[in-house]
Structures are given as C-alpha cells and as structure tokens.
Amino acid sequence: MTNEFSAAISSIDYSRFTRAKEISTLSTECALASSDAGRKSLERAFVVGCYAHWEGFFSDCVSEFLKYLRNTDRKVSEISWLLLVGRLAPEFQSLFDRRNSREAQKLFVERLKGHLSSGFDEFDSKCISPSSNLDYKRLVYSFDLIGIDASFFAVKRNIIDRQIVGWRHAVAHGNLIDLDELDLEQHKKTTLELMGACSDRFIEKIYEINY
C-alpha cells in the first residue's frame, strides 16, 4: 500500500466523517427547536446544509482522486478514455472559437496524439466537478467520465433531484416551500447513504488503479 493511496483514502474518510457529524448536529438542532417558527427556519437550514455537504463531499472525492493520480504520475488515457474530455478542454474551446473550421479540425487532430500520453498536471477538473448543481444527471456524467459504475444511484434519482437538490435550490432562491413532508431522520439517512455510496466508489476506483 503506497503512501499516496493511504493519504487519499484517509482524506476521503475524514471528509465523510466530519461532514456526517455536522449533518447529525443540524438534525438534532431541528428536533430540539422550541418553537414552530424556529423549527421551520432550522429545517430550511438543514435542507441547505445537507445539499452543501452532498456536493462538498463529492468535490472532496474528486479533488483527492485527481491528487492521487497526479502524485502517482498516471496517464489520463490509462485511467479512463472519457477522461480525455478534461485534458482536451482547451482544444474543444479552440474548435469553437474557430467555428469548427477545417484548419481548426486539422490542428485538433495534430495535437491529439500528444494529449493521449499526457498526465493530470493540466487536467481541467471542471468536467467532473459538481458545478454547484450535483443532480442525478451531473453525478452520472462525472462517474461515466471517471469510469465508475453509477447504477446504484438510479433508484435514488427522484430523491436526489427532488429533495436533495430541489429543496435546496428552492430555499436558496427564496421560494417558500412546504417542508411538512420533511422527515428529518430519513433526509439525514438518505444524504449520508448517498455520501457513503460515493465514498465507496471513489475508494474502489483508487484501489483498482493502485493494484
């Protein structure tokens, strides 16, 4: 087991632990609210907090994953062919800026060969980062590029989009939403379960690469 591998796993585990602890604290504060108005305000804060930790934890996993790949001098194409999307981002922009002209296409192909053997030092992480909206579609897209099976999350699609993401967006944009259907314990459990599933899959991917 390499130092880089151990460091990546430890960082992911630590992030998950600290975020889970804060989610549990927020849930407890909601349950102990002394007034109905206070409870509703705390519930809104809880909803926003759960999403923030869901997105933030995924970002942490992406960051540690890429750090591990850089520290171990991995090649982009060795990890996942689709990750070349992140390496070719400047070339895609060049094609767009040049209106996809024949000259731009020729230059793209000429440069492609060099990118095939490139590492992660100049990798554009935005292609697999949440971008402030980690809904089901974005989650699956990121996992597809990395080469991680996202089938587990299919049955969670409505929960991710309607509750984890949807409720947070509604609160953040000042919409008065009815949270009477909010089950604090279940929302906490679901958020932690989703974070745990992400953690497991990133760790499995790093383990697969390491061995």
N, C-alpha and C. Protein backbone atom coordinates (compact mmCIF):
# COMPACT_ATOMS: atom_id res chain seq x y z
N MET A 1 0.85 -1.20 0.00
CA MET A 1 0.00 0.00 0.00
C MET A 1 0.89 1.24 0.00
N THR A 2 0.75 2.09 -1.03
CA THR A 2 1.60 3.26 -1.15
C THR A 2 1.14 4.38 -0.22
N ASN A 3 2.06 5.31 0.04
CA ASN A 3 1.71 6.47 0.88
C ASN A 3 0.62 7.30 0.21
N GLU A 4 0.70 7.43 -1.12
CA GLU A 4 -0.30 8.22 -1.85
C GLU A 4 -1.69 7.59 -1.73
N PHE A 5 -1.74 6.26 -1.83
CA PHE A 5 -3.01 5.55 -1.70
C PHE A 5 -3.59 5.76 -0.31
N SER A 6 -2.78 5.56 0.72
CA SER A 6 -3.24 5.72 2.10
C SER A 6 -3.71 7.15 2.38
N ALA A 7 -2.97 8.12 1.84
CA ALA A 7 -3.32 9.53 2.05
C ALA A 7 -4.67 9.85 1.42
N ALA A 8 -4.90 9.35 0.21
CA ALA A 8 -6.17 9.61 -0.49
C ALA A 8 -7.34 9.01 0.27
N ILE A 9 -7.20 7.75 0.70
CA ILE A 9 -8.28 7.08 1.42
C ILE A 9 -8.56 7.77 2.75
N SER A 10 -7.50 8.14 3.47
CA SER A 10 -7.66 8.81 4.77
C SER A 10 -8.37 10.15 4.62
N SER A 11 -8.03 10.90 3.58
CA SER A 11 -8.65 12.21 3.36
C SER A 11 -10.13 12.08 3.03
N ILE A 12 -10.47 11.09 2.21
CA ILE A 12 -11.88 10.86 1.87
C ILE A 12 -12.66 10.44 3.12
N ASP A 13 -12.08 9.53 3.90
CA ASP A 13 -12.75 9.07 5.12
C ASP A 13 -12.95 10.22 6.12
N TYR A 14 -11.93 11.06 6.26
CA TYR A 14 -12.01 12.18 7.20
C TYR A 14 -13.09 13.17 6.77
N SER A 15 -13.14 13.48 5.49
CA SER A 15 -14.16 14.40 4.99
C SER A 15 -15.56 13.84 5.24
N ARG A 16 -15.72 12.58 4.97
CA ARG A 16 -17.03 11.94 5.19
C ARG A 16 -17.42 11.98 6.66
N PHE A 17 -16.49 11.68 7.54
CA PHE A 17 -16.77 11.66 8.97
C PHE A 17 -17.17 13.04 9.49
N THR A 18 -16.39 14.06 9.14
CA THR A 18 -16.66 15.41 9.66
C THR A 18 -17.97 15.96 9.09
N ARG A 19 -18.25 15.69 7.84
CA ARG A 19 -19.50 16.16 7.24
C ARG A 19 -20.71 15.43 7.81
N ALA A 20 -20.57 14.14 8.03
CA ALA A 20 -21.66 13.36 8.63
C ALA A 20 -21.96 13.86 10.04
N LYS A 21 -20.92 14.19 10.77
CA LYS A 21 -21.08 14.69 12.14
C LYS A 21 -21.86 16.01 12.14
N GLU A 22 -21.55 16.90 11.20
CA GLU A 22 -22.24 18.19 11.16
C GLU A 22 -23.69 18.02 10.74
N ILE A 23 -23.95 17.10 9.79
CA ILE A 23 -25.34 16.84 9.38
C ILE A 23 -26.15 16.32 10.57
N SER A 24 -25.56 15.45 11.35
CA SER A 24 -26.25 14.91 12.53
C SER A 24 -26.51 16.00 13.56
N THR A 25 -25.56 16.92 13.71
CA THR A 25 -25.73 18.04 14.64
C THR A 25 -26.88 18.93 14.20
N LEU A 26 -26.95 19.23 12.91
CA LEU A 26 -28.04 20.06 12.37
C LEU A 26 -29.39 19.39 12.58
N SER A 27 -29.43 18.08 12.38
CA SER A 27 -30.67 17.33 12.57
C SER A 27 -31.13 17.40 14.02
N THR A 28 -30.21 17.28 14.93
CA THR A 28 -30.54 17.35 16.36
C THR A 28 -31.07 18.73 16.75
N GLU A 29 -30.44 19.77 16.22
CA GLU A 29 -30.88 21.14 16.50
C GLU A 29 -32.31 21.36 16.03
N CYS A 30 -32.66 20.80 14.86
CA CYS A 30 -34.03 20.93 14.35
C CYS A 30 -35.03 20.26 15.29
N ALA A 31 -34.68 19.06 15.72
CA ALA A 31 -35.58 18.30 16.59
C ALA A 31 -35.78 18.97 17.94
N LEU A 32 -34.80 19.76 18.39
CA LEU A 32 -34.88 20.39 19.71
C LEU A 32 -35.42 21.82 19.67
N ALA A 33 -35.85 22.26 18.51
CA ALA A 33 -36.35 23.64 18.37
C ALA A 33 -37.52 23.87 19.33
N SER A 34 -37.51 25.04 19.97
CA SER A 34 -38.51 25.33 21.00
C SER A 34 -39.79 25.94 20.46
N SER A 35 -39.79 26.38 19.20
CA SER A 35 -40.98 26.98 18.62
C SER A 35 -41.17 26.48 17.20
N ASP A 36 -42.39 26.59 16.70
CA ASP A 36 -42.71 26.14 15.34
C ASP A 36 -41.95 26.97 14.31
N ALA A 37 -41.91 28.29 14.55
CA ALA A 37 -41.19 29.18 13.62
C ALA A 37 -39.70 28.86 13.61
N GLY A 38 -39.16 28.64 14.80
CA GLY A 38 -37.75 28.30 14.91
C GLY A 38 -37.43 26.97 14.24
N ARG A 39 -38.34 26.02 14.40
CA ARG A 39 -38.14 24.70 13.79
C ARG A 39 -38.13 24.80 12.27
N LYS A 40 -39.04 25.60 11.72
CA LYS A 40 -39.10 25.72 10.25
C LYS A 40 -37.85 26.39 9.70
N SER A 41 -37.35 27.38 10.41
CA SER A 41 -36.12 28.04 9.97
C SER A 41 -34.94 27.08 10.01
N LEU A 42 -34.87 26.29 11.07
CA LEU A 42 -33.78 25.32 11.20
C LEU A 42 -33.90 24.21 10.15
N GLU A 43 -35.13 23.84 9.83
CA GLU A 43 -35.33 22.81 8.81
C GLU A 43 -34.84 23.29 7.44
N ARG A 44 -35.09 24.57 7.16
CA ARG A 44 -34.58 25.12 5.89
C ARG A 44 -33.05 25.12 5.88
N ALA A 45 -32.48 25.49 7.02
CA ALA A 45 -31.01 25.47 7.13
C ALA A 45 -30.49 24.04 6.99
N PHE A 46 -31.23 23.10 7.53
CA PHE A 46 -30.85 21.68 7.46
C PHE A 46 -30.86 21.19 6.01
N VAL A 47 -31.89 21.55 5.27
CA VAL A 47 -32.01 21.16 3.87
C VAL A 47 -30.85 21.71 3.05
N VAL A 48 -30.55 22.99 3.26
CA VAL A 48 -29.42 23.61 2.55
C VAL A 48 -28.10 22.96 2.97
N GLY A 49 -27.98 22.70 4.26
CA GLY A 49 -26.75 22.08 4.77
C GLY A 49 -26.52 20.69 4.21
N CYS A 50 -27.58 19.91 4.09
CA CYS A 50 -27.45 18.55 3.55
C CYS A 50 -26.96 18.60 2.10
N TYR A 51 -27.54 19.52 1.32
CA TYR A 51 -27.08 19.62 -0.06
C TYR A 51 -25.62 20.09 -0.12
N ALA A 52 -25.29 21.06 0.71
CA ALA A 52 -23.93 21.60 0.72
C ALA A 52 -22.92 20.49 1.02
N HIS A 53 -23.26 19.61 1.96
CA HIS A 53 -22.35 18.52 2.29
C HIS A 53 -22.34 17.44 1.21
N TRP A 54 -23.47 17.22 0.57
CA TRP A 54 -23.54 16.27 -0.55
C TRP A 54 -22.63 16.73 -1.68
N GLU A 55 -22.77 17.97 -2.10
CA GLU A 55 -21.93 18.50 -3.17
C GLU A 55 -20.48 18.64 -2.72
N GLY A 56 -20.30 19.16 -1.51
CA GLY A 56 -18.95 19.38 -1.00
C GLY A 56 -18.17 18.09 -0.85
N PHE A 57 -18.84 17.04 -0.41
CA PHE A 57 -18.14 15.77 -0.25
C PHE A 57 -17.75 15.20 -1.60
N PHE A 58 -18.64 15.31 -2.58
CA PHE A 58 -18.30 14.83 -3.92
C PHE A 58 -17.09 15.60 -4.46
N SER A 59 -17.07 16.91 -4.24
CA SER A 59 -15.92 17.72 -4.66
C SER A 59 -14.64 17.27 -3.96
N ASP A 60 -14.75 16.95 -2.68
CA ASP A 60 -13.59 16.45 -1.94
C ASP A 60 -13.07 15.14 -2.55
N CYS A 61 -14.00 14.26 -2.90
CA CYS A 61 -13.61 12.98 -3.51
C CYS A 61 -12.91 13.20 -4.85
N VAL A 62 -13.46 14.10 -5.66
CA VAL A 62 -12.84 14.41 -6.95
C VAL A 62 -11.44 14.98 -6.74
N SER A 63 -11.31 15.90 -5.79
CA SER A 63 -10.02 16.52 -5.51
C SER A 63 -8.98 15.49 -5.07
N GLU A 64 -9.36 14.61 -4.16
CA GLU A 64 -8.42 13.59 -3.67
C GLU A 64 -8.10 12.57 -4.76
N PHE A 65 -9.07 12.25 -5.57
CA PHE A 65 -8.87 11.32 -6.68
C PHE A 65 -7.84 11.88 -7.67
N LEU A 66 -8.01 13.13 -8.06
CA LEU A 66 -7.09 13.75 -9.01
C LEU A 66 -5.71 13.97 -8.39
N LYS A 67 -5.69 14.30 -7.11
CA LYS A 67 -4.40 14.47 -6.42
C LYS A 67 -3.62 13.15 -6.42
N TYR A 68 -4.33 12.06 -6.15
CA TYR A 68 -3.70 10.74 -6.16
C TYR A 68 -3.14 10.43 -7.56
N LEU A 69 -3.90 10.73 -8.60
CA LEU A 69 -3.46 10.45 -9.97
C LEU A 69 -2.24 11.29 -10.35
N ARG A 70 -2.22 12.55 -9.91
CA ARG A 70 -1.06 13.41 -10.19
C ARG A 70 0.17 12.92 -9.42
N ASN A 71 -0.03 12.59 -8.17
CA ASN A 71 1.10 12.18 -7.32
C ASN A 71 1.71 10.85 -7.75
N THR A 72 0.93 10.03 -8.45
CA THR A 72 1.44 8.73 -8.89
C THR A 72 1.75 8.72 -10.39
N ASP A 73 1.76 9.92 -10.99
CA ASP A 73 2.16 10.08 -12.40
C ASP A 73 1.36 9.20 -13.36
N ARG A 74 0.07 9.15 -13.16
CA ARG A 74 -0.78 8.36 -14.06
C ARG A 74 -1.06 9.14 -15.34
N LYS A 75 -1.31 8.39 -16.41
CA LYS A 75 -1.71 8.97 -17.69
C LYS A 75 -3.23 8.99 -17.77
N VAL A 76 -3.75 10.06 -18.34
CA VAL A 76 -5.21 10.22 -18.40
C VAL A 76 -5.86 9.04 -19.13
N SER A 77 -5.34 8.69 -20.29
CA SER A 77 -5.94 7.63 -21.10
C SER A 77 -5.84 6.26 -20.45
N GLU A 78 -4.94 6.08 -19.49
CA GLU A 78 -4.80 4.81 -18.78
C GLU A 78 -5.92 4.61 -17.76
N ILE A 79 -6.44 5.70 -17.25
CA ILE A 79 -7.46 5.63 -16.21
C ILE A 79 -8.85 5.46 -16.82
N SER A 80 -9.17 6.31 -17.76
CA SER A 80 -10.46 6.24 -18.46
C SER A 80 -10.35 7.04 -19.75
N TRP A 81 -10.71 6.40 -20.84
CA TRP A 81 -10.63 7.08 -22.13
C TRP A 81 -11.45 8.37 -22.12
N LEU A 82 -12.61 8.34 -21.46
CA LEU A 82 -13.50 9.51 -21.45
C LEU A 82 -12.94 10.68 -20.63
N LEU A 83 -11.98 10.40 -19.76
CA LEU A 83 -11.37 11.49 -19.00
C LEU A 83 -10.56 12.43 -19.90
N LEU A 84 -10.30 12.01 -21.11
CA LEU A 84 -9.63 12.91 -22.06
C LEU A 84 -10.46 14.16 -22.33
N VAL A 85 -11.74 14.11 -22.00
CA VAL A 85 -12.58 15.31 -22.11
C VAL A 85 -11.96 16.44 -21.29
N GLY A 86 -11.46 16.12 -20.12
CA GLY A 86 -10.84 17.13 -19.26
C GLY A 86 -9.49 17.59 -19.76
N ARG A 87 -8.79 16.73 -20.45
CA ARG A 87 -7.47 17.10 -20.99
C ARG A 87 -7.59 17.88 -22.29
N LEU A 88 -8.66 17.61 -23.04
CA LEU A 88 -8.85 18.25 -24.35
C LEU A 88 -9.71 19.51 -24.29
N ALA A 89 -10.08 19.93 -23.08
CA ALA A 89 -10.96 21.10 -22.93
C ALA A 89 -10.46 22.32 -23.70
N PRO A 90 -9.17 22.68 -23.63
CA PRO A 90 -8.68 23.85 -24.39
C PRO A 90 -8.82 23.66 -25.90
N GLU A 91 -8.65 22.42 -26.36
CA GLU A 91 -8.76 22.14 -27.79
C GLU A 91 -10.21 22.26 -28.25
N PHE A 92 -11.14 21.81 -27.41
CA PHE A 92 -12.55 21.96 -27.74
C PHE A 92 -12.91 23.44 -27.87
N GLN A 93 -12.37 24.24 -26.94
CA GLN A 93 -12.65 25.68 -26.97
C GLN A 93 -12.06 26.30 -28.23
N SER A 94 -10.90 25.83 -28.63
CA SER A 94 -10.26 26.35 -29.85
C SER A 94 -11.11 26.03 -31.07
N LEU A 95 -11.65 24.82 -31.12
CA LEU A 95 -12.54 24.45 -32.22
C LEU A 95 -13.75 25.38 -32.28
N PHE A 96 -14.31 25.64 -31.09
CA PHE A 96 -15.49 26.52 -31.02
C PHE A 96 -15.13 27.94 -31.46
N ASP A 97 -14.01 28.46 -30.94
CA ASP A 97 -13.61 29.82 -31.27
C ASP A 97 -13.34 29.99 -32.76
N ARG A 98 -12.87 28.93 -33.40
CA ARG A 98 -12.56 28.99 -34.84
C ARG A 98 -13.71 28.47 -35.68
N ARG A 99 -14.89 28.38 -35.07
CA ARG A 99 -16.11 27.97 -35.76
C ARG A 99 -15.97 26.61 -36.43
N ASN A 100 -15.20 25.74 -35.78
CA ASN A 100 -15.03 24.37 -36.26
C ASN A 100 -14.54 24.33 -37.71
N SER A 101 -13.67 25.24 -38.06
CA SER A 101 -13.15 25.33 -39.44
C SER A 101 -12.27 24.12 -39.76
N ARG A 102 -11.99 23.93 -41.03
CA ARG A 102 -11.14 22.82 -41.45
C ARG A 102 -9.74 22.96 -40.83
N GLU A 103 -9.24 24.18 -40.78
CA GLU A 103 -7.92 24.41 -40.20
C GLU A 103 -7.91 24.04 -38.72
N ALA A 104 -9.00 24.39 -38.01
CA ALA A 104 -9.10 24.09 -36.58
C ALA A 104 -9.21 22.58 -36.36
N GLN A 105 -9.93 21.89 -37.23
CA GLN A 105 -10.06 20.45 -37.13
C GLN A 105 -8.71 19.77 -37.35
N LYS A 106 -7.97 20.26 -38.33
CA LYS A 106 -6.64 19.71 -38.63
C LYS A 106 -5.71 19.90 -37.43
N LEU A 107 -5.73 21.09 -36.84
CA LEU A 107 -4.88 21.38 -35.70
C LEU A 107 -5.27 20.51 -34.51
N PHE A 108 -6.55 20.28 -34.33
CA PHE A 108 -7.05 19.45 -33.24
C PHE A 108 -6.47 18.03 -33.35
N VAL A 109 -6.53 17.47 -34.54
CA VAL A 109 -6.03 16.11 -34.75
C VAL A 109 -4.51 16.06 -34.58
N GLU A 110 -3.83 17.10 -35.03
CA GLU A 110 -2.37 17.14 -34.88
C GLU A 110 -1.97 17.14 -33.41
N ARG A 111 -2.72 17.84 -32.59
CA ARG A 111 -2.41 17.93 -31.17
C ARG A 111 -2.90 16.74 -30.37
N LEU A 112 -3.85 16.00 -30.93
CA LEU A 112 -4.47 14.89 -30.21
C LEU A 112 -3.45 13.84 -29.80
N LYS A 113 -2.52 13.52 -30.67
CA LYS A 113 -1.54 12.48 -30.38
C LYS A 113 -0.76 12.79 -29.10
N GLY A 114 -0.37 14.04 -28.92
CA GLY A 114 0.37 14.42 -27.72
C GLY A 114 -0.46 14.30 -26.46
N HIS A 115 -1.75 14.59 -26.58
CA HIS A 115 -2.62 14.52 -25.41
C HIS A 115 -2.85 13.09 -24.95
N LEU A 116 -2.75 12.13 -25.84
CA LEU A 116 -3.02 10.74 -25.49
C LEU A 116 -2.05 10.20 -24.44
N SER A 117 -0.87 10.77 -24.38
CA SER A 117 0.13 10.30 -23.41
C SER A 117 0.32 11.30 -22.26
N SER A 118 -0.61 12.24 -22.12
CA SER A 118 -0.48 13.28 -21.11
C SER A 118 -0.93 12.80 -19.73
N GLY A 119 -0.41 13.47 -18.70
CA GLY A 119 -0.80 13.17 -17.33
C GLY A 119 -1.89 14.11 -16.85
N PHE A 120 -1.99 14.27 -15.54
CA PHE A 120 -3.09 15.04 -14.96
C PHE A 120 -2.68 16.45 -14.51
N ASP A 121 -1.45 16.85 -14.79
CA ASP A 121 -1.00 18.17 -14.35
C ASP A 121 -1.82 19.31 -14.95
N GLU A 122 -2.25 19.16 -16.19
CA GLU A 122 -3.03 20.21 -16.85
C GLU A 122 -4.47 19.77 -17.10
N PHE A 123 -4.92 18.83 -16.31
CA PHE A 123 -6.28 18.31 -16.45
C PHE A 123 -7.29 19.34 -15.94
N ASP A 124 -8.36 19.56 -16.70
CA ASP A 124 -9.40 20.51 -16.30
C ASP A 124 -10.44 19.77 -15.47
N SER A 125 -10.39 19.96 -14.15
CA SER A 125 -11.26 19.21 -13.24
C SER A 125 -12.73 19.61 -13.34
N LYS A 126 -13.02 20.72 -14.03
CA LYS A 126 -14.42 21.17 -14.11
C LYS A 126 -15.32 20.14 -14.78
N CYS A 127 -14.74 19.30 -15.62
CA CYS A 127 -15.56 18.32 -16.35
C CYS A 127 -16.14 17.25 -15.43
N ILE A 128 -15.55 17.03 -14.26
CA ILE A 128 -16.08 16.02 -13.33
C ILE A 128 -16.47 16.62 -11.99
N SER A 129 -16.45 17.94 -11.87
CA SER A 129 -16.83 18.62 -10.64
C SER A 129 -18.33 18.94 -10.65
N PRO A 130 -18.94 19.14 -9.49
CA PRO A 130 -20.38 19.35 -9.39
C PRO A 130 -20.92 20.60 -10.08
N SER A 131 -20.11 21.66 -10.13
CA SER A 131 -20.55 22.92 -10.76
C SER A 131 -21.80 23.48 -10.10
N SER A 132 -21.87 23.39 -8.77
CA SER A 132 -22.97 23.96 -7.96
C SER A 132 -24.33 23.35 -8.27
N ASN A 133 -24.35 22.17 -8.87
CA ASN A 133 -25.63 21.52 -9.16
C ASN A 133 -25.43 20.02 -9.32
N LEU A 134 -25.21 19.34 -8.21
CA LEU A 134 -24.95 17.90 -8.27
C LEU A 134 -26.27 17.12 -8.27
N ASP A 135 -26.98 17.22 -9.40
CA ASP A 135 -28.18 16.42 -9.56
C ASP A 135 -27.81 15.06 -10.13
N TYR A 136 -28.80 14.24 -10.38
CA TYR A 136 -28.53 12.87 -10.84
C TYR A 136 -27.79 12.87 -12.18
N LYS A 137 -28.22 13.71 -13.10
CA LYS A 137 -27.61 13.75 -14.42
C LYS A 137 -26.13 14.12 -14.34
N ARG A 138 -25.82 15.11 -13.53
CA ARG A 138 -24.43 15.55 -13.39
C ARG A 138 -23.59 14.47 -12.69
N LEU A 139 -24.18 13.82 -11.71
CA LEU A 139 -23.49 12.76 -10.98
C LEU A 139 -23.09 11.62 -11.92
N VAL A 140 -24.06 11.17 -12.72
CA VAL A 140 -23.80 10.06 -13.64
C VAL A 140 -22.79 10.45 -14.72
N TYR A 141 -22.90 11.68 -15.20
CA TYR A 141 -21.94 12.16 -16.21
C TYR A 141 -20.51 12.11 -15.66
N SER A 142 -20.32 12.60 -14.46
CA SER A 142 -18.99 12.61 -13.85
C SER A 142 -18.47 11.19 -13.66
N PHE A 143 -19.32 10.31 -13.15
CA PHE A 143 -18.91 8.92 -12.94
C PHE A 143 -18.59 8.23 -14.27
N ASP A 144 -19.36 8.53 -15.30
CA ASP A 144 -19.09 7.94 -16.62
C ASP A 144 -17.70 8.33 -17.12
N LEU A 145 -17.35 9.60 -16.95
CA LEU A 145 -16.03 10.04 -17.40
C LEU A 145 -14.91 9.36 -16.62
N ILE A 146 -15.13 9.20 -15.32
CA ILE A 146 -14.10 8.59 -14.47
C ILE A 146 -14.00 7.09 -14.70
N GLY A 147 -15.11 6.48 -15.12
CA GLY A 147 -15.12 5.03 -15.29
C GLY A 147 -15.64 4.31 -14.07
N ILE A 148 -16.62 4.94 -13.40
CA ILE A 148 -17.23 4.37 -12.19
C ILE A 148 -18.67 3.99 -12.50
N ASP A 149 -19.08 2.81 -12.08
CA ASP A 149 -20.45 2.34 -12.29
C ASP A 149 -21.40 3.12 -11.38
N ALA A 150 -22.36 3.81 -11.98
CA ALA A 150 -23.29 4.64 -11.22
C ALA A 150 -24.68 4.02 -11.10
N SER A 151 -24.81 2.74 -11.41
CA SER A 151 -26.13 2.10 -11.44
C SER A 151 -26.83 2.14 -10.08
N PHE A 152 -26.06 2.12 -9.00
CA PHE A 152 -26.66 2.17 -7.66
C PHE A 152 -27.55 3.39 -7.49
N PHE A 153 -27.18 4.50 -8.10
CA PHE A 153 -27.88 5.77 -7.89
C PHE A 153 -29.16 5.90 -8.71
N ALA A 154 -29.41 4.96 -9.63
CA ALA A 154 -30.60 5.07 -10.49
C ALA A 154 -31.89 5.09 -9.68
N VAL A 155 -31.97 4.24 -8.66
CA VAL A 155 -33.19 4.18 -7.85
C VAL A 155 -33.30 5.39 -6.91
N LYS A 156 -32.23 6.16 -6.80
CA LYS A 156 -32.22 7.34 -5.95
C LYS A 156 -32.45 8.63 -6.76
N ARG A 157 -32.70 8.48 -8.03
CA ARG A 157 -32.76 9.65 -8.90
C ARG A 157 -33.78 10.69 -8.43
N ASN A 158 -35.01 10.27 -8.16
CA ASN A 158 -36.05 11.22 -7.74
C ASN A 158 -35.70 11.89 -6.42
N ILE A 159 -35.13 11.13 -5.51
CA ILE A 159 -34.75 11.69 -4.21
C ILE A 159 -33.64 12.72 -4.38
N ILE A 160 -32.64 12.40 -5.20
CA ILE A 160 -31.54 13.33 -5.44
C ILE A 160 -32.05 14.62 -6.07
N ASP A 161 -32.84 14.47 -7.13
CA ASP A 161 -33.27 15.65 -7.89
C ASP A 161 -34.36 16.46 -7.18
N ARG A 162 -35.32 15.76 -6.56
CA ARG A 162 -36.45 16.48 -5.97
C ARG A 162 -36.18 16.98 -4.55
N GLN A 163 -35.49 16.17 -3.76
CA GLN A 163 -35.28 16.53 -2.36
C GLN A 163 -33.89 17.11 -2.09
N ILE A 164 -32.86 16.34 -2.33
CA ILE A 164 -31.51 16.82 -2.00
C ILE A 164 -31.18 18.10 -2.77
N VAL A 165 -31.44 18.11 -4.08
CA VAL A 165 -31.12 19.27 -4.91
C VAL A 165 -32.30 20.25 -4.98
N GLY A 166 -33.48 19.74 -5.26
CA GLY A 166 -34.65 20.60 -5.47
C GLY A 166 -35.02 21.45 -4.27
N TRP A 167 -35.07 20.84 -3.09
CA TRP A 167 -35.43 21.60 -1.90
C TRP A 167 -34.37 22.65 -1.59
N ARG A 168 -33.11 22.29 -1.77
CA ARG A 168 -32.04 23.27 -1.51
C ARG A 168 -32.16 24.47 -2.44
N HIS A 169 -32.38 24.22 -3.73
CA HIS A 169 -32.50 25.32 -4.69
C HIS A 169 -33.68 26.22 -4.34
N ALA A 170 -34.78 25.61 -3.93
CA ALA A 170 -35.98 26.39 -3.58
C ALA A 170 -35.69 27.32 -2.41
N VAL A 171 -35.05 26.78 -1.37
CA VAL A 171 -34.71 27.60 -0.20
C VAL A 171 -33.71 28.69 -0.57
N ALA A 172 -32.68 28.32 -1.32
CA ALA A 172 -31.63 29.27 -1.68
C ALA A 172 -32.16 30.42 -2.53
N HIS A 173 -33.20 30.15 -3.33
CA HIS A 173 -33.76 31.19 -4.20
C HIS A 173 -34.93 31.93 -3.55
N GLY A 174 -35.15 31.66 -2.27
CA GLY A 174 -36.16 32.41 -1.53
C GLY A 174 -37.58 31.94 -1.74
N ASN A 175 -37.77 30.77 -2.33
CA ASN A 175 -39.12 30.25 -2.54
C ASN A 175 -39.65 29.66 -1.24
N LEU A 176 -40.89 29.96 -0.93
CA LEU A 176 -41.50 29.45 0.28
C LEU A 176 -42.04 28.05 0.00
N ILE A 177 -41.32 27.05 0.41
CA ILE A 177 -41.72 25.67 0.15
C ILE A 177 -42.26 25.05 1.42
N ASP A 178 -43.17 24.11 1.23
CA ASP A 178 -43.78 23.42 2.36
C ASP A 178 -42.91 22.21 2.72
N LEU A 179 -42.31 22.25 3.88
CA LEU A 179 -41.44 21.16 4.31
C LEU A 179 -42.15 20.24 5.30
N ASP A 180 -43.50 20.28 5.29
CA ASP A 180 -44.24 19.44 6.22
C ASP A 180 -43.97 17.96 5.97
N GLU A 181 -43.64 17.62 4.71
CA GLU A 181 -43.35 16.22 4.39
C GLU A 181 -41.92 15.83 4.74
N LEU A 182 -41.14 16.79 5.23
CA LEU A 182 -39.74 16.51 5.55
C LEU A 182 -39.62 15.61 6.78
N ASP A 183 -39.03 14.47 6.57
CA ASP A 183 -38.70 13.56 7.66
C ASP A 183 -37.23 13.76 7.94
N LEU A 184 -36.92 14.46 9.03
CA LEU A 184 -35.54 14.81 9.34
C LEU A 184 -34.62 13.60 9.36
N GLU A 185 -35.05 12.58 10.05
CA GLU A 185 -34.20 11.40 10.20
C GLU A 185 -33.97 10.71 8.85
N GLN A 186 -35.03 10.64 8.04
CA GLN A 186 -34.89 9.99 6.75
C GLN A 186 -34.03 10.81 5.79
N HIS A 187 -34.20 12.14 5.83
CA HIS A 187 -33.40 13.01 4.96
C HIS A 187 -31.92 12.91 5.34
N LYS A 188 -31.66 12.87 6.63
CA LYS A 188 -30.28 12.70 7.10
C LYS A 188 -29.74 11.35 6.64
N LYS A 189 -30.52 10.30 6.83
CA LYS A 189 -30.10 8.96 6.46
C LYS A 189 -29.82 8.86 4.96
N THR A 190 -30.69 9.47 4.16
CA THR A 190 -30.52 9.43 2.70
C THR A 190 -29.25 10.16 2.27
N THR A 191 -29.04 11.34 2.84
CA THR A 191 -27.85 12.13 2.50
C THR A 191 -26.58 11.38 2.86
N LEU A 192 -26.56 10.79 4.04
CA LEU A 192 -25.38 10.03 4.48
C LEU A 192 -25.18 8.77 3.63
N GLU A 193 -26.28 8.17 3.22
CA GLU A 193 -26.19 6.98 2.37
C GLU A 193 -25.60 7.33 1.01
N LEU A 194 -26.03 8.44 0.44
CA LEU A 194 -25.50 8.88 -0.85
C LEU A 194 -24.02 9.22 -0.75
N MET A 195 -23.65 9.91 0.32
CA MET A 195 -22.24 10.23 0.53
C MET A 195 -21.42 8.95 0.70
N GLY A 196 -21.97 8.00 1.44
CA GLY A 196 -21.27 6.74 1.64
C GLY A 196 -21.08 5.98 0.34
N ALA A 197 -22.10 6.00 -0.52
CA ALA A 197 -22.01 5.32 -1.81
C ALA A 197 -20.94 5.96 -2.69
N CYS A 198 -20.87 7.30 -2.66
CA CYS A 198 -19.82 8.00 -3.42
C CYS A 198 -18.44 7.64 -2.88
N SER A 199 -18.32 7.66 -1.57
CA SER A 199 -17.05 7.33 -0.92
C SER A 199 -16.59 5.93 -1.34
N ASP A 200 -17.48 4.96 -1.24
CA ASP A 200 -17.13 3.58 -1.58
C ASP A 200 -16.65 3.45 -3.02
N ARG A 201 -17.31 4.14 -3.92
CA ARG A 201 -16.97 4.01 -5.34
C ARG A 201 -15.67 4.72 -5.70
N PHE A 202 -15.40 5.85 -5.09
CA PHE A 202 -14.12 6.50 -5.33
C PHE A 202 -12.97 5.67 -4.75
N ILE A 203 -13.17 5.15 -3.55
CA ILE A 203 -12.13 4.34 -2.92
C ILE A 203 -11.88 3.06 -3.73
N GLU A 204 -12.95 2.45 -4.20
CA GLU A 204 -12.80 1.25 -5.03
C GLU A 204 -12.02 1.55 -6.31
N LYS A 205 -12.29 2.73 -6.90
CA LYS A 205 -11.61 3.11 -8.14
C LYS A 205 -10.11 3.33 -7.85
N ILE A 206 -9.81 4.02 -6.77
CA ILE A 206 -8.42 4.26 -6.40
C ILE A 206 -7.72 2.94 -6.11
N TYR A 207 -8.41 2.05 -5.41
CA TYR A 207 -7.85 0.72 -5.11
C TYR A 207 -7.57 -0.04 -6.41
N GLU A 208 -8.50 0.02 -7.33
CA GLU A 208 -8.35 -0.66 -8.63
C GLU A 208 -7.13 -0.14 -9.39
N ILE A 209 -6.94 1.16 -9.36
CA ILE A 209 -5.80 1.76 -10.04
C ILE A 209 -4.49 1.40 -9.34
N ASN A 210 -4.53 1.40 -8.02
CA ASN A 210 -3.32 1.15 -7.23
C ASN A 210 -2.83 -0.30 -7.39
N TYR A 211 -3.78 -1.22 -7.58
CA TYR A 211 -3.40 -2.62 -7.64
C TYR A 211 -3.63 -3.22 -9.02
